[in-house]
Amino acid sequence: MGTSKLPDEIPIPGAIKLQGWMYGLGMIAGLLSFGAFSNGDGGFGVIVAGIGLGLFWLGSNIKTHKKAFVEGKGYR
């Protein structure tokens, strides 16, 4: 038998876009947190830093590719 010309992984465009947005919003939250700490508002800085870390964590757990699981290239 010959080898299949179908890819072993296919990207999920919506998930990639969502991951990018979460990383971007996490960076903005990090900048807001830095600004809050610089102005002496530690309470707000901690809250925004937690939100930023949460966004990064959620973004890193998004599945962005489907992998083939059979030779006929069924994807999961």
PDB file of N, CA and C in Angstrom:
ATOM      1  N   MET A   1       0.832  -1.181   0.000  1.00  0.00           N
ATOM      2  CA  MET A   1       0.000   0.000   0.000  1.00  0.00           C
ATOM      3  C   MET A   1       0.876   1.243   0.000  1.00  0.00           C
ATOM      4  N   GLY A   2       0.372   2.277  -0.597  1.00  0.00           N
ATOM      5  CA  GLY A   2       1.080   3.551  -0.611  1.00  0.00           C
ATOM      6  C   GLY A   2       0.774   4.357   0.641  1.00  0.00           C
ATOM      7  N   THR A   3       1.507   5.402   0.806  1.00  0.00           N
ATOM      8  CA  THR A   3       1.264   6.265   1.958  1.00  0.00           C
ATOM      9  C   THR A   3       0.182   7.276   1.628  1.00  0.00           C
ATOM     10  N   SER A   4      -0.534   7.688   2.626  1.00  0.00           N
ATOM     11  CA  SER A   4      -1.611   8.655   2.458  1.00  0.00           C
ATOM     12  C   SER A   4      -1.048  10.047   2.277  1.00  0.00           C
ATOM     13  N   LYS A   5      -1.666  10.830   1.434  1.00  0.00           N
ATOM     14  CA  LYS A   5      -1.220  12.207   1.217  1.00  0.00           C
ATOM     15  C   LYS A   5      -1.954  13.199   2.106  1.00  0.00           C
ATOM     16  N   LEU A   6      -2.829  12.703   2.960  1.00  0.00           N
ATOM     17  CA  LEU A   6      -3.544  13.579   3.878  1.00  0.00           C
ATOM     18  C   LEU A   6      -2.645  13.892   5.071  1.00  0.00           C
ATOM     19  N   PRO A   7      -2.764  15.083   5.647  1.00  0.00           N
ATOM     20  CA  PRO A   7      -1.888  15.451   6.769  1.00  0.00           C
ATOM     21  C   PRO A   7      -2.219  14.679   8.049  1.00  0.00           C
ATOM     22  N   ASP A   8      -1.198  14.554   8.911  1.00  0.00           N
ATOM     23  CA  ASP A   8      -1.400  13.891  10.194  1.00  0.00           C
ATOM     24  C   ASP A   8      -2.100  14.800  11.191  1.00  0.00           C
ATOM     25  N   GLU A   9      -2.005  16.104  10.984  1.00  0.00           N
ATOM     26  CA  GLU A   9      -2.677  17.090  11.844  1.00  0.00           C
ATOM     27  C   GLU A   9      -3.313  18.159  10.973  1.00  0.00           C
ATOM     28  N   ILE A  10      -4.475  18.635  11.401  1.00  0.00           N
ATOM     29  CA  ILE A  10      -5.090  19.779  10.718  1.00  0.00           C
ATOM     30  C   ILE A  10      -5.370  20.859  11.764  1.00  0.00           C
ATOM     31  N   PRO A  11      -5.146  22.130  11.401  1.00  0.00           N
ATOM     32  CA  PRO A  11      -5.391  23.217  12.359  1.00  0.00           C
ATOM     33  C   PRO A  11      -6.888  23.499  12.515  1.00  0.00           C
ATOM     34  N   ILE A  12      -7.235  24.041  13.670  1.00  0.00           N
ATOM     35  CA  ILE A  12      -8.595  24.494  13.938  1.00  0.00           C
ATOM     36  C   ILE A  12      -8.523  26.027  13.970  1.00  0.00           C
ATOM     37  N   PRO A  13      -8.926  26.702  12.877  1.00  0.00           N
ATOM     38  CA  PRO A  13      -8.733  28.152  12.786  1.00  0.00           C
ATOM     39  C   PRO A  13      -9.402  28.947  13.905  1.00  0.00           C
ATOM     40  N   GLY A  14     -10.608  28.595  14.289  1.00  0.00           N
ATOM     41  CA  GLY A  14     -11.302  29.321  15.351  1.00  0.00           C
ATOM     42  C   GLY A  14     -10.587  29.207  16.685  1.00  0.00           C
ATOM     43  N   ALA A  15     -10.048  28.029  16.969  1.00  0.00           N
ATOM     44  CA  ALA A  15      -9.339  27.825  18.232  1.00  0.00           C
ATOM     45  C   ALA A  15      -8.022  28.590  18.249  1.00  0.00           C
ATOM     46  N   ILE A  16      -7.352  28.660  17.101  1.00  0.00           N
ATOM     47  CA  ILE A  16      -6.103  29.413  17.022  1.00  0.00           C
ATOM     48  C   ILE A  16      -6.365  30.892  17.250  1.00  0.00           C
ATOM     49  N   LYS A  17      -7.442  31.408  16.663  1.00  0.00           N
ATOM     50  CA  LYS A  17      -7.797  32.816  16.840  1.00  0.00           C
ATOM     51  C   LYS A  17      -8.163  33.107  18.296  1.00  0.00           C
ATOM     52  N   LEU A  18      -8.935  32.222  18.916  1.00  0.00           N
ATOM     53  CA  LEU A  18      -9.321  32.395  20.318  1.00  0.00           C
ATOM     54  C   LEU A  18      -8.089  32.369  21.218  1.00  0.00           C
ATOM     55  N   GLN A  19      -7.155  31.482  20.941  1.00  0.00           N
ATOM     56  CA  GLN A  19      -5.928  31.409  21.731  1.00  0.00           C
ATOM     57  C   GLN A  19      -5.136  32.713  21.615  1.00  0.00           C
ATOM     58  N   GLY A  20      -5.057  33.257  20.419  1.00  0.00           N
ATOM     59  CA  GLY A  20      -4.359  34.527  20.226  1.00  0.00           C
ATOM     60  C   GLY A  20      -5.017  35.668  20.991  1.00  0.00           C
ATOM     61  N   TRP A  21      -6.340  35.710  20.971  1.00  0.00           N
ATOM     62  CA  TRP A  21      -7.062  36.743  21.715  1.00  0.00           C
ATOM     63  C   TRP A  21      -6.826  36.607  23.220  1.00  0.00           C
ATOM     64  N   MET A  22      -6.830  35.377  23.720  1.00  0.00           N
ATOM     65  CA  MET A  22      -6.623  35.185  25.160  1.00  0.00           C
ATOM     66  C   MET A  22      -5.214  35.603  25.568  1.00  0.00           C
ATOM     67  N   TYR A  23      -4.222  35.275  24.740  1.00  0.00           N
ATOM     68  CA  TYR A  23      -2.859  35.705  25.034  1.00  0.00           C
ATOM     69  C   TYR A  23      -2.745  37.229  24.991  1.00  0.00           C
ATOM     70  N   GLY A  24      -3.382  37.851  24.007  1.00  0.00           N
ATOM     71  CA  GLY A  24      -3.340  39.312  23.898  1.00  0.00           C
ATOM     72  C   GLY A  24      -4.005  40.000  25.078  1.00  0.00           C
ATOM     73  N   LEU A  25      -5.169  39.498  25.474  1.00  0.00           N
ATOM     74  CA  LEU A  25      -5.848  40.075  26.634  1.00  0.00           C
ATOM     75  C   LEU A  25      -5.066  39.832  27.918  1.00  0.00           C
ATOM     76  N   GLY A  26      -4.375  38.687  27.994  1.00  0.00           N
ATOM     77  CA  GLY A  26      -3.510  38.419  29.142  1.00  0.00           C
ATOM     78  C   GLY A  26      -2.361  39.407  29.228  1.00  0.00           C
ATOM     79  N   MET A  27      -1.798  39.771  28.064  1.00  0.00           N
ATOM     80  CA  MET A  27      -0.717  40.774  28.040  1.00  0.00           C
ATOM     81  C   MET A  27      -1.231  42.151  28.472  1.00  0.00           C
ATOM     82  N   ILE A  28      -2.410  42.515  28.001  1.00  0.00           N
ATOM     83  CA  ILE A  28      -2.995  43.795  28.399  1.00  0.00           C
ATOM     84  C   ILE A  28      -3.250  43.812  29.903  1.00  0.00           C
ATOM     85  N   ALA A  29      -3.743  42.693  30.440  1.00  0.00           N
ATOM     86  CA  ALA A  29      -3.966  42.605  31.881  1.00  0.00           C
ATOM     87  C   ALA A  29      -2.645  42.727  32.638  1.00  0.00           C
ATOM     88  N   GLY A  30      -1.575  42.158  32.082  1.00  0.00           N
ATOM     89  CA  GLY A  30      -0.262  42.285  32.704  1.00  0.00           C
ATOM     90  C   GLY A  30       0.219  43.729  32.735  1.00  0.00           C
ATOM     91  N   LEU A  31      -0.007  44.457  31.645  1.00  0.00           N
ATOM     92  CA  LEU A  31       0.370  45.870  31.618  1.00  0.00           C
ATOM     93  C   LEU A  31      -0.459  46.693  32.603  1.00  0.00           C
ATOM     94  N   LEU A  32      -1.755  46.408  32.687  1.00  0.00           N
ATOM     95  CA  LEU A  32      -2.599  47.104  33.652  1.00  0.00           C
ATOM     96  C   LEU A  32      -2.167  46.794  35.080  1.00  0.00           C
ATOM     97  N   SER A  33      -1.779  45.562  35.324  1.00  0.00           N
ATOM     98  CA  SER A  33      -1.306  45.178  36.650  1.00  0.00           C
ATOM     99  C   SER A  33      -0.018  45.915  36.999  1.00  0.00           C
ATOM    100  N   PHE A  34       0.896  45.996  36.054  1.00  0.00           N
ATOM    101  CA  PHE A  34       2.145  46.721  36.275  1.00  0.00           C
ATOM    102  C   PHE A  34       1.875  48.187  36.592  1.00  0.00           C
ATOM    103  N   GLY A  35       0.954  48.775  35.820  1.00  0.00           N
ATOM    104  CA  GLY A  35       0.597  50.170  36.071  1.00  0.00           C
ATOM    105  C   GLY A  35      -0.047  50.365  37.435  1.00  0.00           C
ATOM    106  N   ALA A  36      -0.883  49.439  37.843  1.00  0.00           N
ATOM    107  CA  ALA A  36      -1.535  49.546  39.155  1.00  0.00           C
ATOM    108  C   ALA A  36      -0.504  49.432  40.274  1.00  0.00           C
ATOM    109  N   PHE A  37       0.435  48.500  40.154  1.00  0.00           N
ATOM    110  CA  PHE A  37       1.474  48.363  41.178  1.00  0.00           C
ATOM    111  C   PHE A  37       2.371  49.600  41.212  1.00  0.00           C
ATOM    112  N   SER A  38       2.625  50.191  40.049  1.00  0.00           N
ATOM    113  CA  SER A  38       3.468  51.391  39.990  1.00  0.00           C
ATOM    114  C   SER A  38       2.797  52.580  40.667  1.00  0.00           C
ATOM    115  N   ASN A  39       1.470  52.630  40.623  1.00  0.00           N
ATOM    116  CA  ASN A  39       0.731  53.727  41.250  1.00  0.00           C
ATOM    117  C   ASN A  39       0.416  53.458  42.713  1.00  0.00           C
ATOM    118  N   GLY A  40       0.824  52.326  43.228  1.00  0.00           N
ATOM    119  CA  GLY A  40       0.603  52.018  44.633  1.00  0.00           C
ATOM    120  C   GLY A  40      -0.725  51.363  44.937  1.00  0.00           C
ATOM    121  N   ASP A  41      -1.451  50.943  43.926  1.00  0.00           N
ATOM    122  CA  ASP A  41      -2.744  50.285  44.135  1.00  0.00           C
ATOM    123  C   ASP A  41      -2.545  48.769  44.046  1.00  0.00           C
ATOM    124  N   GLY A  42      -2.043  48.181  45.123  1.00  0.00           N
ATOM    125  CA  GLY A  42      -1.692  46.778  45.131  1.00  0.00           C
ATOM    126  C   GLY A  42      -2.873  45.842  45.011  1.00  0.00           C
ATOM    127  N   GLY A  43      -4.013  46.209  45.596  1.00  0.00           N
ATOM    128  CA  GLY A  43      -5.193  45.344  45.545  1.00  0.00           C
ATOM    129  C   GLY A  43      -5.681  45.128  44.126  1.00  0.00           C
ATOM    130  N   PHE A  44      -5.813  46.212  43.381  1.00  0.00           N
ATOM    131  CA  PHE A  44      -6.253  46.117  41.995  1.00  0.00           C
ATOM    132  C   PHE A  44      -5.197  45.399  41.153  1.00  0.00           C
ATOM    133  N   GLY A  45      -3.924  45.665  41.464  1.00  0.00           N
ATOM    134  CA  GLY A  45      -2.843  45.013  40.726  1.00  0.00           C
ATOM    135  C   GLY A  45      -2.862  43.504  40.875  1.00  0.00           C
ATOM    136  N   VAL A  46      -3.144  43.020  42.071  1.00  0.00           N
ATOM    137  CA  VAL A  46      -3.196  41.575  42.311  1.00  0.00           C
ATOM    138  C   VAL A  46      -4.369  40.956  41.551  1.00  0.00           C
ATOM    139  N   ILE A  47      -5.512  41.624  41.566  1.00  0.00           N
ATOM    140  CA  ILE A  47      -6.699  41.112  40.876  1.00  0.00           C
ATOM    141  C   ILE A  47      -6.447  41.016  39.375  1.00  0.00           C
ATOM    142  N   VAL A  48      -5.903  42.080  38.802  1.00  0.00           N
ATOM    143  CA  VAL A  48      -5.666  42.090  37.354  1.00  0.00           C
ATOM    144  C   VAL A  48      -4.561  41.107  36.983  1.00  0.00           C
ATOM    145  N   ALA A  49      -3.557  40.959  37.848  1.00  0.00           N
ATOM    146  CA  ALA A  49      -2.497  39.981  37.585  1.00  0.00           C
ATOM    147  C   ALA A  49      -3.071  38.563  37.595  1.00  0.00           C
ATOM    148  N   GLY A  50      -3.986  38.288  38.505  1.00  0.00           N
ATOM    149  CA  GLY A  50      -4.640  36.978  38.541  1.00  0.00           C
ATOM    150  C   GLY A  50      -5.464  36.719  37.290  1.00  0.00           C
ATOM    151  N   ILE A  51      -6.155  37.749  36.816  1.00  0.00           N
ATOM    152  CA  ILE A  51      -6.933  37.614  35.584  1.00  0.00           C
ATOM    153  C   ILE A  51      -6.006  37.337  34.408  1.00  0.00           C
ATOM    154  N   GLY A  52      -4.891  38.062  34.352  1.00  0.00           N
ATOM    155  CA  GLY A  52      -3.924  37.852  33.274  1.00  0.00           C
ATOM    156  C   GLY A  52      -3.343  36.449  33.288  1.00  0.00           C
ATOM    157  N   LEU A  53      -2.974  35.962  34.464  1.00  0.00           N
ATOM    158  CA  LEU A  53      -2.442  34.600  34.557  1.00  0.00           C
ATOM    159  C   LEU A  53      -3.501  33.568  34.179  1.00  0.00           C
ATOM    160  N   GLY A  54      -4.738  33.821  34.590  1.00  0.00           N
ATOM    161  CA  GLY A  54      -5.825  32.916  34.221  1.00  0.00           C
ATOM    162  C   GLY A  54      -6.044  32.866  32.721  1.00  0.00           C
ATOM    163  N   LEU A  55      -5.973  34.026  32.064  1.00  0.00           N
ATOM    164  CA  LEU A  55      -6.141  34.055  30.611  1.00  0.00           C
ATOM    165  C   LEU A  55      -5.018  33.302  29.905  1.00  0.00           C
ATOM    166  N   PHE A  56      -3.784  33.478  30.374  1.00  0.00           N
ATOM    167  CA  PHE A  56      -2.673  32.737  29.786  1.00  0.00           C
ATOM    168  C   PHE A  56      -2.848  31.236  29.992  1.00  0.00           C
ATOM    169  N   TRP A  57      -3.268  30.832  31.185  1.00  0.00           N
ATOM    170  CA  TRP A  57      -3.452  29.413  31.472  1.00  0.00           C
ATOM    171  C   TRP A  57      -4.561  28.815  30.602  1.00  0.00           C
ATOM    172  N   LEU A  58      -5.687  29.528  30.502  1.00  0.00           N
ATOM    173  CA  LEU A  58      -6.785  29.038  29.663  1.00  0.00           C
ATOM    174  C   LEU A  58      -6.386  28.983  28.195  1.00  0.00           C
ATOM    175  N   GLY A  59      -5.662  29.998  27.731  1.00  0.00           N
ATOM    176  CA  GLY A  59      -5.215  30.009  26.342  1.00  0.00           C
ATOM    177  C   GLY A  59      -4.268  28.866  26.023  1.00  0.00           C
ATOM    178  N   SER A  60      -3.423  28.508  26.976  1.00  0.00           N
ATOM    179  CA  SER A  60      -2.479  27.419  26.727  1.00  0.00           C
ATOM    180  C   SER A  60      -3.150  26.053  26.726  1.00  0.00           C
ATOM    181  N   ASN A  61      -4.348  25.946  27.267  1.00  0.00           N
ATOM    182  CA  ASN A  61      -5.060  24.670  27.303  1.00  0.00           C
ATOM    183  C   ASN A  61      -6.042  24.486  26.151  1.00  0.00           C
ATOM    184  N   ILE A  62      -6.076  25.410  25.212  1.00  0.00           N
ATOM    185  CA  ILE A  62      -6.975  25.286  24.065  1.00  0.00           C
ATOM    186  C   ILE A  62      -6.351  24.344  23.043  1.00  0.00           C
ATOM    187  N   LYS A  63      -7.133  23.381  22.569  1.00  0.00           N
ATOM    188  CA  LYS A  63      -6.672  22.436  21.561  1.00  0.00           C
ATOM    189  C   LYS A  63      -6.749  23.116  20.193  1.00  0.00           C
ATOM    190  N   THR A  64      -5.603  23.301  19.532  1.00  0.00           N
ATOM    191  CA  THR A  64      -5.564  24.053  18.276  1.00  0.00           C
ATOM    192  C   THR A  64      -5.399  23.178  17.038  1.00  0.00           C
ATOM    193  N   HIS A  65      -5.174  21.873  17.199  1.00  0.00           N
ATOM    194  CA  HIS A  65      -5.012  20.973  16.058  1.00  0.00           C
ATOM    195  C   HIS A  65      -5.759  19.664  16.316  1.00  0.00           C
ATOM    196  N   LYS A  66      -6.272  19.095  15.235  1.00  0.00           N
ATOM    197  CA  LYS A  66      -6.877  17.771  15.294  1.00  0.00           C
ATOM    198  C   LYS A  66      -5.850  16.779  14.752  1.00  0.00           C
ATOM    199  N   LYS A  67      -5.687  15.655  15.431  1.00  0.00           N
ATOM    200  CA  LYS A  67      -4.733  14.629  15.005  1.00  0.00           C
ATOM    201  C   LYS A  67      -5.470  13.455  14.376  1.00  0.00           C
ATOM    202  N   ALA A  68      -4.848  12.868  13.341  1.00  0.00           N
ATOM    203  CA  ALA A  68      -5.424  11.697  12.697  1.00  0.00           C
ATOM    204  C   ALA A  68      -5.330  10.508  13.642  1.00  0.00           C
ATOM    205  N   PHE A  69      -6.377   9.683  13.664  1.00  0.00           N
ATOM    206  CA  PHE A  69      -6.341   8.525  14.551  1.00  0.00           C
ATOM    207  C   PHE A  69      -6.480   7.206  13.795  1.00  0.00           C
ATOM    208  N   VAL A  70      -6.749   7.236  12.506  1.00  0.00           N
ATOM    209  CA  VAL A  70      -6.791   6.017  11.696  1.00  0.00           C
ATOM    210  C   VAL A  70      -6.118   6.304  10.357  1.00  0.00           C
ATOM    211  N   GLU A  71      -5.796   5.258   9.604  1.00  0.00           N
ATOM    212  CA  GLU A  71      -5.122   5.429   8.320  1.00  0.00           C
ATOM    213  C   GLU A  71      -5.994   6.179   7.320  1.00  0.00           C
ATOM    214  N   GLY A  72      -7.308   6.016   7.410  1.00  0.00           N
ATOM    215  CA  GLY A  72      -8.214   6.713   6.505  1.00  0.00           C
ATOM    216  C   GLY A  72      -8.344   8.178   6.854  1.00  0.00           C
ATOM    217  N   LYS A  73      -7.587   8.609   7.853  1.00  0.00           N
ATOM    218  CA  LYS A  73      -7.501  10.000   8.304  1.00  0.00           C
ATOM    219  C   LYS A  73      -8.807  10.521   8.872  1.00  0.00           C
ATOM    220  N   GLY A  74      -9.346   9.784   9.819  1.00  0.00           N
ATOM    221  CA  GLY A  74     -10.419  10.323  10.644  1.00  0.00           C
ATOM    222  C   GLY A  74      -9.763  11.209  11.702  1.00  0.00           C
ATOM    223  N   TYR A  75     -10.292  12.383  11.933  1.00  0.00           N
ATOM    224  CA  TYR A  75      -9.657  13.338  12.840  1.00  0.00           C
ATOM    225  C   TYR A  75     -10.425  13.469  14.140  1.00  0.00           C
ATOM    226  N   ARG A  76      -9.679  13.684  15.238  1.00  0.00           N
ATOM    227  CA  ARG A  76     -10.256  13.956  16.544  1.00  0.00           C
ATOM    228  C   ARG A  76      -9.758  15.266  17.051  1.00  0.00           C
TER     229      ARG A  76
END
